[in-house]
Amino acid sequence: MAANAFLPEEIILEIVARLPVKSVGRCRCVSTRWRSLFSDPHFAKSHFQLGPKHRALIIQHLIKLETLASDLSNTSLFEKESLVLRNLNSPFYHKHVQFLGSCNGLVAVRVFHVFHPYSEQETESFLIWNPSTGFFKNFPGRGHMDNHKGIKCGFGYVSKTDEYKLVMGDAILSSKTESWKLMEILPPGADVWMIDGVFFRDALYWLECSRHQEQDQARHMYAFDLEKEEFSIMQLPSALQTLDIRTWNHGVTREGCLYAMVLRKVYRDCVEFDYYVVELWVMRDYGNNDYCWTRSFGVKIPSTARRHWYLWVGSISVSETSASVMTNCPVGKPANYKLMPTSHYRNEEENSDIWMIENNEPDMVVYEESLYRLD
């Protein structure tokens, strides 16, 4: 009787859809039928909805990629004194790249190619890559190169048309047409210098930051609807407009809300710099007014934490009670890019925590492991 026992395929699919990506990969090796079952696009969608959420980090060091494969959603990870990176193979090995964003476990990458070994001229190409499975698909360049990397970019998914769209400068690429078109992504004069777009609810969001002021001061958040290909202006919390803010970050919390996170300076007697505060504001009720934003927490960072003549933070993983951020290494400290020391700061009154991870490589991307691919 036991030899004839079997599980219906629909039950097998339900079970395997709840396994980690690596375990699904092993299941694919069992038989030809299982490979077919677990390679189906509908299964990939089901797995992304039902499977365990595992967020990972990729950092570019020179022309090598390193990864922190541990789950970033697990805050106990950051309680270690340091985190260890490991090498990551990629389809663009030994090429200089720029990460443009991630969505559904897929990472959009801009690849720079040297046009001539004795020339500074470069060409570009793009690809969409799944670091979890190794899948990638190449896309053409825009036909022109920018003189810098600090232009607006973003990557997201349009659920209605089942296509991915990539924004780079004033051009937009569709995964369906596999071609670029020029268009006005944001209004004339909008300044989003060196700010990557964040994907949320079929739209990309950028913070407006002026680089002509003494410090970056975000006045608005711009939203670009990927389906309609139209932009709108979103209001930021008015409480942030008059503070001495050093850096801005925005993204989506692990609870699924849009957020703005700032690092601001606090002065003693309005003159002498005293300490920093990392403050998180969350849009719990989606809308376009000041009442949609709620201050979630603020954590004090002592002035001695300053690693350089300035301190910057880049958000990695954020929830409504804690955040892990990347920061620069102390001056004069030998940089071991594979070993990232951590620091912990806590606000007991608000029951909130900040983990700061030292690394001087700002070019990084966080993605959620998945089985998605482009067919």
Protein backbone atom coordinates (compact mmCIF):
# COMPACT_ATOMS: atom_id res chain seq x y z
CA MET A 1 0.00 0.00 0.00
CA ALA A 2 2.81 2.38 0.85
CA ALA A 3 4.40 1.85 -2.56
CA ASN A 4 1.22 3.03 -4.28
CA ALA A 5 0.70 6.05 -2.02
CA PHE A 6 1.17 9.44 -3.59
CA LEU A 7 0.24 13.06 -3.09
CA PRO A 8 -1.84 14.91 -5.68
CA GLU A 9 0.19 17.50 -7.62
CA GLU A 10 -1.87 20.38 -6.25
CA ILE A 11 -0.88 19.36 -2.71
CA ILE A 12 2.78 19.06 -3.72
CA LEU A 13 2.63 22.54 -5.22
CA GLU A 14 1.10 23.93 -2.02
CA ILE A 15 3.86 22.37 0.09
CA VAL A 16 6.82 23.34 -2.09
CA ALA A 17 5.49 26.91 -2.52
CA ARG A 18 6.23 27.43 1.17
CA LEU A 19 9.88 26.40 0.94
CA PRO A 20 12.90 28.71 0.57
CA VAL A 21 14.21 29.37 -2.95
CA LYS A 22 17.22 27.09 -2.52
CA SER A 23 15.01 24.21 -1.41
CA VAL A 24 12.77 24.68 -4.45
CA GLY A 25 15.91 24.49 -6.59
CA ARG A 26 16.72 21.11 -5.09
CA CYS A 27 13.16 19.90 -5.74
CA ARG A 28 13.54 20.78 -9.41
CA CYS A 29 16.33 18.21 -9.63
CA VAL A 30 14.09 15.32 -8.50
CA SER A 31 12.48 14.61 -11.86
CA THR A 32 11.62 16.11 -15.23
CA ARG A 33 8.03 16.55 -14.11
CA TRP A 34 8.99 18.39 -10.95
CA ARG A 35 11.33 20.64 -12.92
CA SER A 36 8.41 21.55 -15.16
CA LEU A 37 6.04 22.09 -12.23
CA PHE A 38 8.36 24.35 -10.24
CA SER A 39 9.56 26.33 -13.27
CA ASP A 40 6.06 27.48 -14.21
CA PRO A 41 5.48 31.28 -13.97
CA HIS A 42 2.27 30.71 -11.99
CA PHE A 43 4.21 28.71 -9.43
CA ALA A 44 6.78 31.51 -9.15
CA LYS A 45 3.98 33.95 -8.35
CA SER A 46 2.45 31.56 -5.80
CA HIS A 47 5.85 31.00 -4.18
CA PHE A 48 6.48 34.75 -3.88
CA GLN A 49 3.15 35.14 -2.06
CA LEU A 50 3.35 32.05 0.17
CA GLY A 51 7.06 31.35 0.60
CA PRO A 52 9.29 32.69 3.40
CA LYS A 53 10.39 36.31 2.92
CA HIS A 54 14.16 36.45 2.66
CA ARG A 55 15.85 39.77 1.93
CA ALA A 56 19.49 39.84 0.87
CA LEU A 57 22.06 42.57 0.21
CA ILE A 58 24.51 42.94 -2.69
CA ILE A 59 27.44 45.38 -2.55
CA GLN A 60 29.74 46.29 -5.41
CA HIS A 61 33.41 46.56 -4.46
CA LEU A 62 35.45 47.80 -7.42
CA ILE A 63 34.40 45.28 -10.10
CA LYS A 64 33.49 42.48 -7.71
CA LEU A 65 30.16 41.71 -6.13
CA GLU A 66 29.78 40.67 -2.51
CA THR A 67 26.62 39.51 -0.79
CA LEU A 68 25.25 39.32 2.70
CA ALA A 69 23.13 36.24 2.15
CA SER A 70 21.59 36.17 5.65
CA ASP A 71 17.99 37.33 5.93
CA LEU A 72 17.97 41.10 6.50
CA SER A 73 14.48 40.89 8.01
CA ASN A 74 15.97 39.03 10.97
CA THR A 75 17.15 41.78 13.30
CA SER A 76 19.17 39.34 15.41
CA LEU A 77 21.58 39.21 12.46
CA PHE A 78 22.78 42.72 13.30
CA GLU A 79 23.47 41.94 16.94
CA LYS A 80 26.80 40.42 15.89
CA GLU A 81 29.93 42.55 16.23
CA SER A 82 30.53 42.30 12.48
CA LEU A 83 28.95 40.84 9.36
CA VAL A 84 30.88 38.85 6.76
CA LEU A 85 30.39 39.24 3.02
CA ARG A 86 30.99 36.46 0.52
CA ASN A 87 31.70 36.48 -3.20
CA LEU A 88 28.75 36.43 -5.58
CA ASN A 89 28.89 35.20 -9.16
CA SER A 90 27.07 37.28 -11.73
CA PRO A 91 26.54 37.42 -15.50
CA PHE A 92 28.54 40.66 -15.64
CA TYR A 93 31.65 39.39 -13.88
CA HIS A 94 34.60 41.86 -13.97
CA LYS A 95 32.51 44.72 -15.35
CA HIS A 96 31.62 47.98 -13.67
CA VAL A 97 27.89 48.18 -13.00
CA GLN A 98 25.24 50.41 -11.45
CA PHE A 99 22.28 48.98 -9.56
CA LEU A 100 19.03 50.64 -10.61
CA GLY A 101 16.57 48.97 -8.26
CA SER A 102 14.87 45.70 -7.42
CA CYS A 103 11.33 44.40 -7.75
CA ASN A 104 9.85 40.93 -7.17
CA GLY A 105 13.32 39.54 -6.58
CA LEU A 106 14.64 40.86 -9.92
CA VAL A 107 17.46 43.41 -9.99
CA ALA A 108 17.88 45.96 -12.78
CA VAL A 109 21.53 46.60 -13.66
CA ARG A 110 23.31 49.09 -15.88
CA VAL A 111 26.54 47.61 -17.29
CA PHE A 112 29.38 49.83 -18.49
CA HIS A 113 31.50 48.59 -21.41
CA VAL A 114 34.83 50.12 -22.42
CA PHE A 115 34.48 51.05 -26.05
CA HIS A 116 38.23 51.05 -26.71
CA PRO A 117 41.03 49.93 -24.37
CA TYR A 118 42.92 53.21 -24.89
CA SER A 119 39.88 55.46 -24.74
CA GLU A 120 37.75 56.78 -21.92
CA GLN A 121 34.66 56.31 -24.08
CA GLU A 122 32.15 53.81 -22.77
CA THR A 123 28.96 52.22 -23.97
CA GLU A 124 26.20 50.78 -21.84
CA SER A 125 23.78 47.90 -21.77
CA PHE A 126 21.13 46.85 -19.29
CA LEU A 127 19.98 43.58 -17.87
CA ILE A 128 17.37 42.25 -15.49
CA TRP A 129 18.86 39.64 -13.20
CA ASN A 130 17.58 37.25 -10.56
CA PRO A 131 20.50 36.74 -8.12
CA SER A 132 18.65 33.86 -6.43
CA THR A 133 18.38 31.67 -9.53
CA GLY A 134 21.03 33.12 -11.84
CA PHE A 135 18.48 34.05 -14.52
CA PHE A 136 19.18 37.19 -16.53
CA LYS A 137 17.99 38.88 -19.69
CA ASN A 138 19.90 41.52 -21.67
CA PHE A 139 18.42 44.77 -22.94
CA PRO A 140 19.95 47.38 -25.26
CA GLY A 141 21.46 50.69 -24.17
CA ARG A 142 19.72 53.99 -24.80
CA GLY A 143 21.99 55.00 -27.65
CA HIS A 144 23.64 57.75 -25.62
CA MET A 145 25.70 57.90 -22.45
CA ASP A 146 25.41 60.27 -19.50
CA ASN A 147 28.55 61.87 -18.14
CA HIS A 148 27.76 60.73 -14.61
CA LYS A 149 25.83 58.11 -12.68
CA GLY A 150 23.91 60.63 -10.61
CA ILE A 151 20.70 60.71 -12.65
CA LYS A 152 17.26 59.53 -11.66
CA CYS A 153 16.60 55.85 -12.14
CA GLY A 154 14.07 53.28 -11.01
CA PHE A 155 12.68 49.85 -11.70
CA GLY A 156 9.18 48.49 -11.14
CA TYR A 157 6.34 46.25 -12.26
CA VAL A 158 2.99 47.08 -13.89
CA SER A 159 0.52 44.45 -12.70
CA LYS A 160 -2.22 45.35 -15.19
CA THR A 161 -0.05 44.76 -18.26
CA ASP A 162 2.32 42.23 -16.63
CA GLU A 163 5.46 44.06 -17.64
CA TYR A 164 8.51 45.56 -15.98
CA LYS A 165 9.60 49.12 -16.67
CA LEU A 166 13.00 50.66 -16.17
CA VAL A 167 13.54 54.42 -15.91
CA MET A 168 16.94 55.92 -16.66
CA GLY A 169 17.26 59.67 -17.02
CA ASP A 170 14.50 60.81 -19.37
CA ALA A 171 14.03 57.42 -21.01
CA ILE A 172 11.88 54.44 -20.12
CA LEU A 173 12.30 50.80 -21.12
CA SER A 174 9.50 48.23 -21.30
CA SER A 175 10.30 44.54 -20.84
CA LYS A 176 7.59 43.75 -23.42
CA THR A 177 8.79 45.98 -26.26
CA GLU A 178 12.45 45.66 -25.20
CA SER A 179 13.04 49.20 -26.44
CA TRP A 180 13.54 52.66 -24.99
CA LYS A 181 11.43 55.75 -25.48
CA LEU A 182 12.18 59.31 -24.47
CA MET A 183 9.66 61.14 -22.32
CA GLU A 184 9.35 63.67 -19.52
CA ILE A 185 9.48 61.54 -16.37
CA LEU A 186 9.37 64.44 -13.90
CA PRO A 187 8.43 68.13 -14.22
CA PRO A 188 11.02 70.61 -15.55
CA GLY A 189 13.40 71.73 -12.83
CA ALA A 190 12.78 68.72 -10.59
CA ASP A 191 16.03 67.87 -8.83
CA VAL A 192 16.47 64.27 -7.73
CA TRP A 193 20.25 64.20 -7.91
CA MET A 194 21.69 60.79 -6.98
CA ILE A 195 18.36 59.55 -5.58
CA ASP A 196 17.14 56.15 -6.75
CA GLY A 197 13.44 55.65 -7.31
CA VAL A 198 11.53 53.43 -4.89
CA PHE A 199 8.85 51.13 -6.27
CA PHE A 200 5.51 51.06 -4.44
CA ARG A 201 1.98 50.38 -5.70
CA ASP A 202 2.71 50.45 -9.43
CA ALA A 203 4.65 53.71 -9.14
CA LEU A 204 8.19 54.97 -8.64
CA TYR A 205 8.93 57.59 -5.97
CA TRP A 206 11.80 60.05 -5.78
CA LEU A 207 12.68 62.61 -3.13
CA GLU A 208 13.28 66.11 -4.41
CA CYS A 209 16.69 67.16 -3.14
CA SER A 210 18.40 70.41 -4.00
CA ARG A 211 22.18 70.19 -4.31
CA HIS A 212 22.42 73.98 -4.45
CA GLN A 213 21.74 74.43 -0.74
CA GLU A 214 24.09 74.06 2.18
CA GLN A 215 22.41 70.76 2.99
CA ASP A 216 20.08 68.52 1.03
CA GLN A 217 16.54 69.63 1.71
CA ALA A 218 13.69 67.54 0.34
CA ARG A 219 10.56 69.59 -0.26
CA HIS A 220 8.44 67.07 -2.13
CA MET A 221 8.22 63.48 -3.16
CA TYR A 222 7.58 62.82 -6.83
CA ALA A 223 5.49 59.82 -7.90
CA PHE A 224 5.65 58.41 -11.43
CA ASP A 225 2.77 56.07 -12.30
CA LEU A 226 4.33 53.30 -14.41
CA GLU A 227 1.04 52.28 -16.01
CA LYS A 228 -0.22 55.74 -16.98
CA GLU A 229 3.33 57.12 -17.32
CA GLU A 230 2.32 60.29 -15.49
CA PHE A 231 3.91 62.05 -12.53
CA SER A 232 2.37 63.69 -9.49
CA ILE A 233 3.73 65.57 -6.48
CA MET A 234 3.43 64.08 -3.00
CA GLN A 235 3.68 66.15 0.16
CA LEU A 236 6.34 65.33 2.75
CA PRO A 237 5.85 65.86 6.50
CA SER A 238 5.88 69.59 7.21
CA ALA A 239 7.76 68.93 10.47
CA LEU A 240 10.85 67.98 8.46
CA GLN A 241 11.06 71.14 6.39
CA THR A 242 12.82 73.35 8.95
CA LEU A 243 15.31 70.88 10.45
CA ASP A 244 19.05 70.62 9.79
CA ILE A 245 18.89 67.38 7.81
CA ARG A 246 22.09 65.77 6.56
CA THR A 247 20.78 62.81 4.55
CA TRP A 248 17.42 61.59 3.29
CA ASN A 249 16.30 58.04 2.57
CA HIS A 250 12.97 56.69 1.44
CA GLY A 251 11.59 53.24 0.80
CA VAL A 252 8.99 50.70 1.87
CA THR A 253 8.89 49.28 5.39
CA ARG A 254 8.69 45.56 6.04
CA GLU A 255 5.07 46.22 7.03
CA GLY A 256 4.40 47.54 3.51
CA CYS A 257 4.20 51.33 4.00
CA LEU A 258 6.06 54.14 2.27
CA TYR A 259 8.58 55.88 4.54
CA ALA A 260 10.96 58.82 4.71
CA MET A 261 14.00 58.46 6.98
CA VAL A 262 16.28 61.37 7.81
CA LEU A 263 19.55 61.90 9.62
CA ARG A 264 19.44 65.31 11.28
CA LYS A 265 21.72 67.33 13.52
CA VAL A 266 20.76 68.60 16.96
CA TYR A 267 22.59 71.59 18.45
CA ARG A 268 23.26 72.64 22.03
CA ASP A 269 22.06 76.20 22.69
CA CYS A 270 21.32 76.44 18.95
CA VAL A 271 25.05 76.83 18.24
CA GLU A 272 27.22 73.87 19.17
CA PHE A 273 26.60 70.53 17.46
CA ASP A 274 25.52 67.98 20.08
CA TYR A 275 24.28 64.74 18.47
CA TYR A 276 22.49 63.20 15.50
CA VAL A 277 18.98 61.76 15.33
CA VAL A 278 17.82 59.13 12.85
CA GLU A 279 14.10 59.73 12.46
CA LEU A 280 11.52 57.63 10.63
CA TRP A 281 8.26 58.94 9.21
CA VAL A 282 5.74 56.44 7.80
CA MET A 283 2.80 56.99 5.45
CA ARG A 284 0.36 54.64 7.18
CA ASP A 285 -2.65 56.10 5.35
CA TYR A 286 -1.76 56.51 1.71
CA GLY A 287 -2.58 60.00 0.48
CA ASN A 288 -1.22 63.42 -0.36
CA ASN A 289 -1.44 65.55 2.76
CA ASP A 290 0.46 66.12 5.99
CA TYR A 291 -1.93 63.98 8.04
CA CYS A 292 -1.00 60.83 6.12
CA TRP A 293 2.47 60.85 7.70
CA THR A 294 3.17 59.55 11.20
CA ARG A 295 6.44 59.86 13.07
CA SER A 296 7.34 56.28 13.92
CA PHE A 297 10.51 56.76 15.99
CA GLY A 298 13.72 58.71 16.50
CA VAL A 299 16.99 57.28 17.76
CA LYS A 300 19.83 59.42 19.10
CA ILE A 301 23.29 58.86 17.56
CA PRO A 302 26.20 60.42 19.51
CA SER A 303 28.48 62.88 17.72
CA THR A 304 31.39 60.47 18.27
CA ALA A 305 29.75 58.11 15.75
CA ARG A 306 30.77 60.48 12.96
CA ARG A 307 33.11 58.47 10.73
CA HIS A 308 34.38 61.32 8.58
CA TRP A 309 33.93 65.06 8.33
CA TYR A 310 30.34 64.07 7.76
CA LEU A 311 28.13 61.07 8.57
CA TRP A 312 25.87 59.49 5.96
CA VAL A 313 23.38 56.66 6.28
CA GLY A 314 21.76 54.50 3.62
CA SER A 315 18.76 52.42 4.62
CA ILE A 316 18.98 48.64 4.20
CA SER A 317 16.01 47.17 6.05
CA VAL A 318 13.37 49.25 7.84
CA SER A 319 10.40 48.43 10.04
CA GLU A 320 8.23 50.72 12.14
CA THR A 321 10.29 49.95 15.25
CA SER A 322 13.82 49.40 13.92
CA ALA A 323 16.14 50.03 11.00
CA SER A 324 19.48 48.78 9.74
CA VAL A 325 21.52 51.34 7.81
CA MET A 326 24.85 51.46 6.01
CA THR A 327 27.34 54.12 7.10
CA ASN A 328 30.89 55.13 6.24
CA CYS A 329 33.93 53.68 8.01
CA PRO A 330 36.01 55.74 10.49
CA VAL A 331 38.85 57.81 9.03
CA GLY A 332 42.20 56.03 9.16
CA LYS A 333 40.67 52.65 9.89
CA PRO A 334 41.95 49.92 7.54
CA ALA A 335 39.04 48.93 5.33
CA ASN A 336 38.29 45.23 5.16
CA TYR A 337 35.41 45.27 2.74
CA LYS A 338 34.48 41.66 3.53
CA LEU A 339 34.08 42.39 7.23
CA MET A 340 31.47 44.97 8.21
CA PRO A 341 31.49 46.11 11.87
CA THR A 342 28.13 46.97 13.42
CA SER A 343 26.98 49.47 16.05
CA HIS A 344 23.69 49.50 17.93
CA TYR A 345 21.74 52.48 19.26
CA ARG A 346 18.42 52.26 21.08
CA ASN A 347 15.63 54.54 22.21
CA GLU A 348 14.18 52.86 25.31
CA GLU A 349 11.23 55.24 25.57
CA GLU A 350 10.02 54.47 22.04
CA ASN A 351 11.26 50.86 22.06
CA SER A 352 13.13 51.41 18.80
CA ASP A 353 16.56 50.41 17.49
CA ILE A 354 19.10 51.47 14.87
CA TRP A 355 21.87 49.15 13.67
CA MET A 356 24.66 50.92 11.78
CA ILE A 357 26.86 48.81 9.48
CA GLU A 358 30.24 50.14 8.40
CA ASN A 359 31.10 49.91 4.72
CA ASN A 360 32.51 52.48 2.30
CA GLU A 361 30.77 51.03 -0.76
CA PRO A 362 27.56 53.02 -1.30
CA ASP A 363 26.60 51.14 -4.50
CA MET A 364 24.33 48.44 -3.10
CA VAL A 365 20.94 46.88 -3.68
CA VAL A 366 18.54 44.98 -1.45
CA TYR A 367 16.32 42.36 -3.04
CA GLU A 368 13.82 39.74 -1.92
CA GLU A 369 14.60 36.19 -3.00
CA SER A 370 12.18 34.82 -5.60
CA LEU A 371 11.78 32.49 -8.58
CA TYR A 372 10.62 35.18 -11.01
CA ARG A 373 12.07 35.44 -14.49
CA LEU A 374 11.22 37.14 -17.79
CA ASP A 375 10.00 34.91 -20.60
